[in-house]
Amino acid sequence: MKKRTGLLLICLLVFSSCKNEINAPKESVDTETETPIPEPKRTEEPEQQQKEPEMDLVGIMGTVGNLLTGTTKDSTGQGLFTEHGELNVDFLKTDAGKPLRKTFAQMAGVKLEEVDHIVFTIKPSHNIVSVKHAQEIENTLHNPDIETYISSGRASEKFLNYIDENRAKAKERTADFKARAQQAKEEFYQKNPSWFALDETTEDTFIDSRKKMVYLPLGDLSFADSVVSFQPGRPSGRTPEKGLGSAQGNADVRTDCAVLGIEGQLTLFFEDNAIIDVNGPDIYVFEIGEIEPTNLEISKDGENWITVGKIEGGTAFVDIADYVKSGEIFNYVRFTDLDTYSGQPGADIDAVATIGGAMRMNLDSAVLFETGSHILKEEGILAIKELALQMKNLSKGSIRIEGHTDDVGGSQSNQELSKKRAASVAAELKKAITSPKFRWEEKGYGESQPLVLNDSDENRAKNRRVEILVTPY
């Protein structure tokens, strides 16, 4: 550690020494007598030409970070810099990273309290993953804590320079990201002119490892929520849970992805959204590195599967239009890696998203109704009112309410019960959502669309439900 930190400090000292020599007054020397020979007098240059050139502190630190990434590390292997030459702020925030905060303060010539301001208030801008992330970065550029510290008069000149330069570079990156994201959004609406973000606070645009922008009207809600099953392929299929949740941009295959392995298989479930057919692609697979040939299937119940086809080549966009009927809703996706080999064998999945998708909310029938009844209980009415609060930001759309039962009893009676339950929930929900800009539809499916097999009391309880699906018109 001392040797490596010393190397970094030497680089900075050399830079500082060279800078001092450039600005120091020069004298000619007679190499034989070593007697200084005065320089001939020169005319005075304008004052602005004699000013010391400004230091790009962020650029210097980035360059040093690039040169010595990984060399200034602690015993855990965590470094002062990331692989992109930025401060490793996530690590520096931890107690284990405190010693390296002091190292950075010495290197940059700033106070330790100023390093704390940098670490805890400024977000790195190299790996922007979404528009919302870009906005978070911009919000930190004028963080109130930093503004208060600057106004206090205690801030050093180098700290002020660092903040100014960091703001300029971050703003440039976020502006570029937002411009590219806006283009992706416009392309989506060219294909889907009647579509819209159900809630404008949820929409977002994400970037994948190949710098492709993907607009998602439902934002974070678009991504798969849970792992149903995983069969690791050879030689090292692992970490299926890493394929859940939001895309991470430059995700690391070693730590951030679901690695299928050759012939591995992964089944994912969408809980708060569902797959439906929109104009253009319907599913996007955020795969890291080369797109491995992978077979994709979709399902309503996790048992009966529709083969959509093979993902390969230069795109991970999937269109299900040729395989489904209009208005059908799917909750499951299954990936099966095909027998191919590359540098990292098997598909490496960071995230899976529905591009259009339906917002999906599930109400437990046990909370809503007594057994065999379609009359709402008091706690059921309260549950519907809470649901209405979650939907308060929706301005318009199509609301479909579906009733479902388990397989106990006759199929015809289950069909009738599910229809009446859907009608009861719709009537109560309409009391809270009174806007005429919504279209309403009620469906009773009985036992025909279980979420899981009706092979246990626990699974039957999951299948007794009322689902609310919200989509644009």
Protein backbone atom coordinates (compact mmCIF):
# COMPACT_ATOMS: atom_id res chain seq x y z
CA MET A 1 0.00 0.00 0.00
CA LYS A 2 2.76 2.47 0.96
CA LYS A 3 4.73 1.73 -2.19
CA ARG A 4 1.72 2.17 -4.42
CA THR A 5 0.49 5.32 -2.72
CA GLY A 6 4.01 6.65 -2.95
CA LEU A 7 4.01 6.10 -6.71
CA LEU A 8 0.87 8.14 -7.01
CA LEU A 9 2.27 10.94 -4.88
CA ILE A 10 5.49 10.91 -6.89
CA CYS A 11 3.46 11.48 -10.07
CA LEU A 12 1.78 14.46 -8.49
CA LEU A 13 5.04 15.81 -7.09
CA VAL A 14 6.68 15.52 -10.50
CA PHE A 15 3.77 17.40 -12.02
CA SER A 16 4.02 20.05 -9.31
CA SER A 17 7.81 20.29 -9.69
CA CYS A 18 7.55 20.71 -13.45
CA LYS A 19 4.91 23.36 -12.99
CA ASN A 20 7.12 25.27 -10.52
CA GLU A 21 10.08 25.15 -12.88
CA ILE A 22 8.00 26.52 -15.70
CA ASN A 23 6.90 29.49 -13.60
CA ALA A 24 10.22 30.15 -11.79
CA PRO A 25 12.50 32.98 -13.11
CA LYS A 26 15.21 31.51 -15.33
CA GLU A 27 18.97 32.25 -15.42
CA SER A 28 21.57 31.10 -17.91
CA VAL A 29 24.56 29.24 -16.45
CA ASP A 30 28.15 29.05 -17.73
CA THR A 31 28.88 25.36 -17.58
CA GLU A 32 32.64 25.96 -16.95
CA THR A 33 32.51 28.64 -14.23
CA GLU A 34 28.98 27.92 -13.02
CA THR A 35 28.61 31.70 -12.83
CA PRO A 36 25.12 32.81 -13.60
CA ILE A 37 24.92 34.85 -16.80
CA PRO A 38 22.09 37.34 -16.68
CA GLU A 39 19.40 36.98 -19.30
CA PRO A 40 19.00 39.97 -21.63
CA LYS A 41 16.18 42.26 -20.56
CA ARG A 42 12.85 41.61 -22.23
CA THR A 43 10.00 43.95 -22.76
CA GLU A 44 7.22 43.58 -20.22
CA GLU A 45 4.47 41.28 -21.43
CA PRO A 46 0.87 42.14 -20.86
CA GLU A 47 -0.33 41.08 -17.43
CA GLN A 48 -2.78 38.48 -18.72
CA GLN A 49 0.04 36.61 -20.54
CA GLN A 50 2.06 36.32 -17.32
CA LYS A 51 -0.76 34.69 -15.40
CA GLU A 52 -0.15 31.17 -14.23
CA PRO A 53 -2.06 28.69 -16.39
CA GLU A 54 -5.12 27.28 -14.63
CA MET A 55 -4.99 23.68 -13.47
CA ASP A 56 -7.71 21.27 -14.61
CA LEU A 57 -7.82 19.43 -11.28
CA VAL A 58 -10.59 17.03 -12.33
CA GLY A 59 -8.65 16.21 -15.50
CA ILE A 60 -5.41 15.71 -13.59
CA MET A 61 -7.04 13.44 -11.04
CA GLY A 62 -8.79 11.52 -13.80
CA THR A 63 -5.52 11.03 -15.67
CA VAL A 64 -3.72 9.91 -12.54
CA GLY A 65 -6.65 7.65 -11.74
CA ASN A 66 -6.48 6.08 -15.19
CA LEU A 67 -2.75 5.54 -14.87
CA LEU A 68 -2.89 4.09 -11.38
CA THR A 69 -6.37 2.54 -11.20
CA GLY A 70 -6.15 -0.43 -8.93
CA THR A 71 -2.76 0.46 -7.48
CA THR A 72 -4.03 2.53 -4.56
CA LYS A 73 -6.02 -0.17 -2.78
CA ASP A 74 -6.69 -1.26 0.74
CA SER A 75 -6.54 -4.77 2.13
CA THR A 76 -10.01 -5.59 0.77
CA GLY A 77 -8.95 -4.88 -2.81
CA GLN A 78 -11.04 -1.71 -3.05
CA GLY A 79 -9.29 1.18 -4.76
CA LEU A 80 -9.30 4.94 -4.45
CA PHE A 81 -10.32 5.17 -8.11
CA THR A 82 -12.76 3.24 -10.27
CA GLU A 83 -11.65 1.67 -13.53
CA HIS A 84 -12.85 4.86 -15.26
CA GLY A 85 -10.51 7.10 -13.25
CA GLU A 86 -13.27 8.56 -11.05
CA LEU A 87 -13.24 8.57 -7.28
CA ASN A 88 -14.57 5.30 -5.90
CA VAL A 89 -17.20 7.17 -3.87
CA ASP A 90 -19.26 4.11 -2.98
CA PHE A 91 -16.27 2.62 -1.19
CA LEU A 92 -15.05 5.91 0.25
CA LYS A 93 -18.43 6.35 1.97
CA THR A 94 -17.80 3.24 4.04
CA ASP A 95 -15.76 3.06 7.25
CA ALA A 96 -13.22 0.87 5.45
CA GLY A 97 -12.70 3.64 2.89
CA LYS A 98 -11.94 6.39 5.42
CA PRO A 99 -8.13 6.02 5.18
CA LEU A 100 -8.30 6.57 1.44
CA ARG A 101 -10.28 9.77 1.93
CA LYS A 102 -7.23 11.15 3.73
CA THR A 103 -5.01 9.91 0.89
CA PHE A 104 -7.14 11.77 -1.64
CA ALA A 105 -7.08 14.95 0.46
CA GLN A 106 -3.26 14.87 0.45
CA MET A 107 -3.12 14.16 -3.28
CA ALA A 108 -5.60 16.83 -4.32
CA GLY A 109 -4.44 19.45 -1.85
CA VAL A 110 -7.88 19.86 -0.31
CA LYS A 111 -9.09 19.65 3.28
CA LEU A 112 -10.39 16.38 4.68
CA GLU A 113 -13.79 17.94 5.36
CA GLU A 114 -13.86 18.93 1.68
CA VAL A 115 -13.26 15.32 0.65
CA ASP A 116 -16.31 14.40 2.74
CA HIS A 117 -18.37 16.95 0.82
CA ILE A 118 -17.17 15.48 -2.47
CA VAL A 119 -17.76 11.87 -1.44
CA PHE A 120 -21.17 12.29 0.19
CA THR A 121 -22.81 14.87 -2.09
CA ILE A 122 -21.51 14.47 -5.65
CA LYS A 123 -22.64 11.51 -7.75
CA PRO A 124 -20.15 10.09 -10.30
CA SER A 125 -21.28 10.87 -13.85
CA HIS A 126 -19.34 8.31 -15.88
CA ASN A 127 -21.85 5.45 -15.85
CA ILE A 128 -25.24 7.15 -16.27
CA VAL A 129 -27.89 4.41 -16.47
CA SER A 130 -31.14 6.33 -17.02
CA VAL A 131 -32.69 9.77 -17.42
CA LYS A 132 -33.73 9.78 -13.77
CA HIS A 133 -30.16 8.92 -12.80
CA ALA A 134 -28.90 11.81 -14.96
CA GLN A 135 -31.32 14.13 -13.17
CA GLU A 136 -30.08 12.93 -9.77
CA ILE A 137 -26.53 13.75 -10.84
CA GLU A 138 -27.58 17.24 -11.93
CA ASN A 139 -29.39 17.77 -8.63
CA THR A 140 -26.16 17.09 -6.73
CA LEU A 141 -24.23 19.67 -8.74
CA HIS A 142 -25.67 22.45 -6.57
CA ASN A 143 -26.23 20.47 -3.40
CA PRO A 144 -27.34 22.73 -0.50
CA ASP A 145 -24.63 21.33 1.79
CA ILE A 146 -21.91 22.29 -0.70
CA GLU A 147 -23.45 25.71 -1.33
CA THR A 148 -23.54 26.36 2.42
CA TYR A 149 -19.92 25.30 2.79
CA ILE A 150 -18.83 27.52 -0.12
CA SER A 151 -20.74 30.48 1.38
CA SER A 152 -18.98 29.94 4.72
CA GLY A 153 -15.71 31.18 3.26
CA ARG A 154 -13.80 28.13 4.50
CA ALA A 155 -13.56 26.46 1.09
CA SER A 156 -10.07 26.15 -0.38
CA GLU A 157 -9.32 27.38 -3.89
CA LYS A 158 -8.56 23.86 -5.09
CA PHE A 159 -11.88 22.62 -3.73
CA LEU A 160 -13.71 25.42 -5.56
CA ASN A 161 -11.85 24.56 -8.77
CA TYR A 162 -12.69 20.88 -8.35
CA ILE A 163 -16.40 21.63 -7.84
CA ASP A 164 -16.56 23.98 -10.84
CA GLU A 165 -14.80 21.53 -13.13
CA ASN A 166 -16.85 18.58 -11.87
CA ARG A 167 -20.07 20.49 -12.49
CA ALA A 168 -19.06 21.39 -16.02
CA LYS A 169 -18.05 17.84 -16.97
CA ALA A 170 -21.11 16.25 -15.32
CA LYS A 171 -23.48 18.71 -16.99
CA GLU A 172 -21.97 17.95 -20.38
CA ARG A 173 -22.44 14.20 -19.86
CA THR A 174 -25.99 14.43 -18.53
CA ALA A 175 -27.06 16.78 -21.34
CA ASP A 176 -25.72 14.36 -23.95
CA PHE A 177 -27.46 11.42 -22.25
CA LYS A 178 -30.80 13.25 -22.09
CA ALA A 179 -30.61 14.25 -25.75
CA ARG A 180 -30.07 10.65 -26.85
CA ALA A 181 -32.81 9.45 -24.50
CA GLN A 182 -35.28 11.95 -25.95
CA GLN A 183 -34.61 10.56 -29.42
CA ALA A 184 -35.42 7.02 -28.19
CA LYS A 185 -38.64 8.27 -26.63
CA GLU A 186 -39.69 9.98 -29.84
CA GLU A 187 -38.99 6.82 -31.83
CA PHE A 188 -41.27 4.84 -29.47
CA TYR A 189 -44.15 7.29 -29.91
CA GLN A 190 -43.74 7.33 -33.67
CA LYS A 191 -44.57 3.62 -33.58
CA ASN A 192 -47.17 3.98 -30.80
CA PRO A 193 -48.85 7.38 -31.30
CA SER A 194 -51.83 6.51 -29.07
CA TRP A 195 -49.61 5.24 -26.23
CA PHE A 196 -48.47 7.39 -23.35
CA ALA A 197 -46.76 7.12 -20.00
CA LEU A 198 -49.56 6.26 -17.59
CA ASP A 199 -47.79 8.29 -14.94
CA GLU A 200 -45.19 10.75 -16.20
CA THR A 201 -43.29 10.45 -12.94
CA THR A 202 -42.61 6.78 -13.70
CA GLU A 203 -41.40 6.89 -17.32
CA ASP A 204 -37.68 6.56 -17.93
CA THR A 205 -35.11 5.73 -20.59
CA PHE A 206 -32.30 3.27 -19.85
CA ILE A 207 -29.01 2.52 -21.59
CA ASP A 208 -27.54 -0.94 -22.13
CA SER A 209 -23.94 -2.10 -22.31
CA ARG A 210 -23.86 -1.43 -26.06
CA LYS A 211 -24.99 2.19 -25.53
CA LYS A 212 -28.47 1.48 -26.91
CA MET A 213 -31.22 3.71 -25.47
CA VAL A 214 -34.47 1.97 -24.48
CA TYR A 215 -37.54 4.06 -23.57
CA LEU A 216 -39.87 2.45 -21.00
CA PRO A 217 -43.22 4.19 -20.30
CA LEU A 218 -43.45 2.41 -16.94
CA GLY A 219 -39.83 3.09 -15.93
CA ASP A 220 -38.62 0.89 -13.06
CA LEU A 221 -41.95 -0.98 -13.01
CA SER A 222 -41.04 -2.46 -16.42
CA PHE A 223 -38.48 -4.94 -15.09
CA ALA A 224 -38.87 -8.58 -14.02
CA ASP A 225 -39.43 -8.98 -10.29
CA SER A 226 -38.64 -12.52 -9.17
CA VAL A 227 -36.88 -15.74 -10.14
CA VAL A 228 -39.23 -18.70 -10.62
CA SER A 229 -36.61 -21.31 -11.48
CA PHE A 230 -33.00 -21.59 -12.56
CA GLN A 231 -31.04 -24.47 -14.07
CA PRO A 232 -27.39 -23.36 -14.29
CA GLY A 233 -25.59 -24.29 -17.47
CA ARG A 234 -21.99 -25.28 -17.84
CA PRO A 235 -19.40 -24.40 -16.86
CA SER A 236 -20.43 -21.71 -14.37
CA GLY A 237 -24.09 -20.69 -14.53
CA ARG A 238 -24.84 -18.60 -11.42
CA THR A 239 -26.59 -15.70 -9.65
CA PRO A 240 -30.03 -15.74 -11.34
CA GLU A 241 -31.28 -12.99 -8.99
CA LYS A 242 -28.83 -10.57 -10.65
CA GLY A 243 -31.14 -10.52 -13.70
CA LEU A 244 -33.91 -8.79 -11.72
CA GLY A 245 -34.65 -5.12 -11.24
CA SER A 246 -33.49 -2.09 -13.19
CA ALA A 247 -30.77 -2.10 -15.84
CA GLN A 248 -27.32 -1.00 -14.64
CA GLY A 249 -25.70 0.30 -17.84
CA ASN A 250 -22.08 -0.87 -17.74
CA ALA A 251 -22.88 -3.85 -15.52
CA ASP A 252 -20.05 -6.17 -14.53
CA VAL A 253 -20.51 -9.76 -15.69
CA ARG A 254 -18.58 -10.99 -12.65
CA THR A 255 -20.82 -9.33 -10.07
CA ASP A 256 -23.95 -7.80 -11.61
CA CYS A 257 -25.47 -10.33 -14.02
CA ALA A 258 -27.40 -13.57 -14.19
CA VAL A 259 -24.98 -15.92 -15.99
CA LEU A 260 -26.91 -18.75 -17.65
CA GLY A 261 -23.98 -20.86 -18.78
CA ILE A 262 -24.22 -23.06 -21.87
CA GLU A 263 -27.72 -24.59 -22.04
CA GLY A 264 -28.72 -22.92 -18.77
CA GLN A 265 -32.37 -21.99 -18.25
CA LEU A 266 -33.88 -19.05 -16.34
CA THR A 267 -37.58 -18.32 -15.67
CA LEU A 268 -38.63 -14.86 -14.44
CA PHE A 269 -41.95 -13.48 -13.16
CA PHE A 270 -43.42 -9.98 -13.64
CA GLU A 271 -45.35 -9.00 -10.53
CA ASP A 272 -46.27 -5.30 -10.82
CA ASN A 273 -46.46 -5.24 -14.61
CA ALA A 274 -47.28 -7.65 -17.44
CA ILE A 275 -46.21 -8.34 -21.00
CA ILE A 276 -48.61 -7.21 -23.74
CA ASP A 277 -48.24 -6.58 -27.45
CA VAL A 278 -47.56 -2.98 -28.55
CA ASN A 279 -46.50 -1.66 -31.94
CA GLY A 280 -42.86 -2.59 -32.42
CA PRO A 281 -40.79 -4.51 -29.85
CA ASP A 282 -42.43 -5.66 -26.61
CA ILE A 283 -39.53 -7.05 -24.54
CA TYR A 284 -35.94 -5.89 -24.20
CA VAL A 285 -33.18 -8.08 -22.81
CA PHE A 286 -30.32 -6.08 -21.28
CA GLU A 287 -27.53 -8.54 -22.02
CA ILE A 288 -23.90 -7.79 -21.27
CA GLY A 289 -21.26 -8.29 -23.93
CA GLU A 290 -21.94 -10.38 -26.99
CA ILE A 291 -25.60 -11.40 -27.43
CA GLU A 292 -25.56 -15.17 -27.07
CA PRO A 293 -28.10 -17.25 -29.05
CA THR A 294 -30.90 -17.80 -26.55
CA ASN A 295 -34.40 -19.23 -26.92
CA LEU A 296 -37.21 -17.06 -25.46
CA GLU A 297 -40.65 -18.24 -24.32
CA ILE A 298 -43.58 -16.44 -22.64
CA SER A 299 -46.39 -17.79 -20.48
CA LYS A 300 -49.51 -16.72 -18.59
CA ASP A 301 -49.28 -19.36 -15.87
CA GLY A 302 -45.69 -20.64 -15.89
CA GLU A 303 -46.78 -24.02 -17.27
CA ASN A 304 -48.06 -23.46 -20.81
CA TRP A 305 -45.42 -21.79 -22.93
CA ILE A 306 -45.38 -19.95 -26.27
CA THR A 307 -42.05 -20.04 -28.09
CA VAL A 308 -41.25 -16.58 -29.42
CA GLY A 309 -37.95 -17.59 -30.97
CA LYS A 310 -34.24 -17.07 -30.79
CA ILE A 311 -32.47 -13.94 -29.56
CA GLU A 312 -29.17 -13.45 -31.35
CA GLY A 313 -27.15 -11.08 -33.51
CA GLY A 314 -26.93 -7.37 -32.77
CA THR A 315 -30.25 -6.74 -31.02
CA ALA A 316 -32.06 -7.84 -27.90
CA PHE A 317 -35.45 -6.39 -28.93
CA VAL A 318 -38.27 -8.96 -29.04
CA ASP A 319 -41.64 -8.52 -30.79
CA ILE A 320 -44.37 -10.99 -29.73
CA ALA A 321 -46.99 -9.80 -32.26
CA ASP A 322 -46.85 -12.93 -34.43
CA TYR A 323 -47.34 -15.27 -31.47
CA VAL A 324 -50.19 -13.79 -29.39
CA LYS A 325 -53.72 -12.43 -29.67
CA SER A 326 -54.52 -8.76 -29.15
CA GLY A 327 -55.01 -7.88 -25.49
CA GLU A 328 -53.44 -11.06 -24.10
CA ILE A 329 -51.49 -10.66 -20.88
CA PHE A 330 -48.36 -12.66 -20.00
CA ASN A 331 -46.59 -12.86 -16.65
CA TYR A 332 -43.59 -15.14 -17.27
CA VAL A 333 -40.53 -15.24 -19.52
CA ARG A 334 -38.17 -18.19 -19.89
CA PHE A 335 -34.67 -18.08 -21.40
CA THR A 336 -32.80 -21.18 -22.54
CA ASP A 337 -29.21 -20.69 -23.61
CA LEU A 338 -28.32 -22.58 -26.78
CA ASP A 339 -25.20 -24.69 -27.14
CA THR A 340 -22.68 -22.03 -28.15
CA TYR A 341 -19.44 -20.81 -26.63
CA SER A 342 -17.77 -17.41 -26.34
CA GLY A 343 -15.33 -15.73 -23.99
CA GLN A 344 -18.00 -15.76 -21.26
CA PRO A 345 -20.03 -18.90 -21.97
CA GLY A 346 -23.81 -18.55 -21.86
CA ALA A 347 -26.05 -15.50 -21.91
CA ASP A 348 -25.21 -12.80 -19.34
CA ILE A 349 -28.43 -10.98 -18.41
CA ASP A 350 -28.41 -7.71 -16.49
CA ALA A 351 -32.18 -7.08 -16.68
CA VAL A 352 -35.35 -7.91 -18.63
CA ALA A 353 -38.03 -5.29 -19.33
CA THR A 354 -41.44 -4.98 -20.92
CA ILE A 355 -41.25 -2.05 -23.33
CA GLY A 356 -44.95 -1.13 -23.35
CA GLY A 357 -46.44 -3.37 -20.76
CA ALA A 358 -49.41 -3.05 -18.45
CA MET A 359 -49.30 -1.73 -14.90
CA ARG A 360 -50.50 -4.66 -12.81
CA MET A 361 -51.92 -4.66 -9.28
CA ASN A 362 -53.07 -7.75 -7.43
CA LEU A 363 -55.69 -7.93 -4.65
CA ASP A 364 -55.98 -11.06 -2.52
CA SER A 365 -59.54 -12.44 -2.59
CA ALA A 366 -59.19 -13.47 1.07
CA VAL A 367 -58.85 -9.79 1.97
CA LEU A 368 -61.73 -8.74 -0.27
CA PHE A 369 -64.39 -11.41 0.22
CA GLU A 370 -65.65 -14.19 2.43
CA THR A 371 -65.39 -17.69 0.91
CA GLY A 372 -67.83 -18.07 -1.96
CA SER A 373 -69.06 -14.47 -1.67
CA HIS A 374 -68.78 -11.44 -3.96
CA ILE A 375 -69.78 -8.90 -1.28
CA LEU A 376 -66.82 -6.76 -0.25
CA LYS A 377 -65.65 -6.91 3.38
CA GLU A 378 -64.72 -3.72 5.24
CA GLU A 379 -61.03 -4.55 4.99
CA GLY A 380 -61.55 -5.19 1.28
CA ILE A 381 -62.99 -1.70 0.82
CA LEU A 382 -60.00 -0.22 2.65
CA ALA A 383 -57.62 -2.23 0.42
CA ILE A 384 -59.32 -0.80 -2.70
CA LYS A 385 -59.05 2.75 -1.32
CA GLU A 386 -55.33 2.23 -0.72
CA LEU A 387 -55.00 0.96 -4.28
CA ALA A 388 -56.76 4.06 -5.56
CA LEU A 389 -54.17 6.21 -3.77
CA GLN A 390 -51.40 4.37 -5.65
CA MET A 391 -53.20 5.24 -8.90
CA LYS A 392 -53.79 8.91 -8.06
CA ASN A 393 -51.16 10.18 -10.52
CA LEU A 394 -52.81 8.42 -13.47
CA SER A 395 -54.59 10.91 -15.71
CA LYS A 396 -56.22 8.57 -18.24
CA GLY A 397 -56.09 5.05 -19.59
CA SER A 398 -57.88 1.73 -19.78
CA ILE A 399 -58.56 -0.11 -16.52
CA ARG A 400 -59.31 -3.80 -16.78
CA ILE A 401 -60.45 -5.63 -13.67
CA GLU A 402 -60.13 -9.41 -13.75
CA GLY A 403 -61.58 -11.90 -11.29
CA HIS A 404 -59.81 -15.28 -10.80
CA THR A 405 -60.52 -18.32 -8.63
CA ASP A 406 -58.82 -21.60 -7.76
CA ASP A 407 -60.05 -24.95 -9.07
CA VAL A 408 -62.21 -25.85 -6.07
CA GLY A 409 -65.86 -26.21 -7.13
CA GLY A 410 -67.40 -26.33 -10.58
CA SER A 411 -65.85 -24.38 -13.43
CA GLN A 412 -69.16 -22.68 -14.31
CA SER A 413 -69.82 -21.52 -10.74
CA ASN A 414 -66.22 -20.29 -10.49
CA GLN A 415 -66.68 -18.35 -13.71
CA GLU A 416 -69.80 -16.60 -12.37
CA LEU A 417 -68.21 -15.88 -9.00
CA SER A 418 -65.10 -14.36 -10.55
CA LYS A 419 -67.22 -12.11 -12.79
CA LYS A 420 -69.29 -10.83 -9.85
CA ARG A 421 -66.16 -10.20 -7.79
CA ALA A 422 -64.62 -8.18 -10.61
CA ALA A 423 -67.81 -6.11 -10.81
CA SER A 424 -67.78 -5.45 -7.04
CA VAL A 425 -64.18 -4.23 -7.10
CA ALA A 426 -64.84 -2.08 -10.19
CA ALA A 427 -67.84 -0.40 -8.55
CA GLU A 428 -65.82 0.50 -5.45
CA LEU A 429 -62.78 1.66 -7.40
CA LYS A 430 -64.93 3.95 -9.58
CA LYS A 431 -65.96 5.82 -6.43
CA ALA A 432 -62.33 6.91 -5.99
CA ILE A 433 -61.38 7.32 -9.67
CA THR A 434 -64.06 9.55 -11.15
CA SER A 435 -62.25 10.96 -14.18
CA PRO A 436 -64.15 10.42 -17.46
CA LYS A 437 -60.81 9.86 -19.20
CA PHE A 438 -60.71 6.22 -18.10
CA ARG A 439 -62.25 3.28 -19.88
CA TRP A 440 -63.43 0.40 -17.71
CA GLU A 441 -63.67 -3.29 -18.45
CA GLU A 442 -64.61 -6.22 -16.19
CA LYS A 443 -63.66 -9.84 -16.85
CA GLY A 444 -64.31 -13.07 -15.01
CA TYR A 445 -61.87 -15.88 -15.82
CA GLY A 446 -62.78 -18.36 -13.12
CA GLU A 447 -60.09 -21.01 -12.75
CA SER A 448 -58.87 -20.78 -16.37
CA GLN A 449 -55.83 -18.50 -15.78
CA PRO A 450 -54.00 -19.59 -12.62
CA LEU A 451 -50.76 -17.86 -11.70
CA VAL A 452 -49.38 -21.15 -10.40
CA LEU A 453 -50.50 -24.77 -10.36
CA ASN A 454 -53.49 -25.54 -8.12
CA ASP A 455 -51.54 -28.28 -6.36
CA SER A 456 -51.40 -26.95 -2.78
CA ASP A 457 -53.39 -24.73 -0.39
CA GLU A 458 -50.69 -22.07 -0.71
CA ASN A 459 -50.87 -22.02 -4.51
CA ARG A 460 -54.68 -22.01 -4.52
CA ALA A 461 -54.59 -18.93 -2.29
CA LYS A 462 -52.36 -17.18 -4.87
CA ASN A 463 -54.81 -18.00 -7.65
CA ARG A 464 -57.84 -16.57 -5.77
CA ARG A 465 -57.31 -12.95 -6.71
CA VAL A 466 -58.60 -9.84 -8.44
CA GLU A 467 -56.11 -8.18 -10.80
CA ILE A 468 -56.24 -4.57 -11.98
CA LEU A 469 -54.41 -3.95 -15.26
CA VAL A 470 -53.89 -0.39 -16.47
CA THR A 471 -52.85 0.37 -20.05
CA PRO A 472 -53.22 3.29 -22.46
CA TYR A 473 -56.30 3.16 -24.72
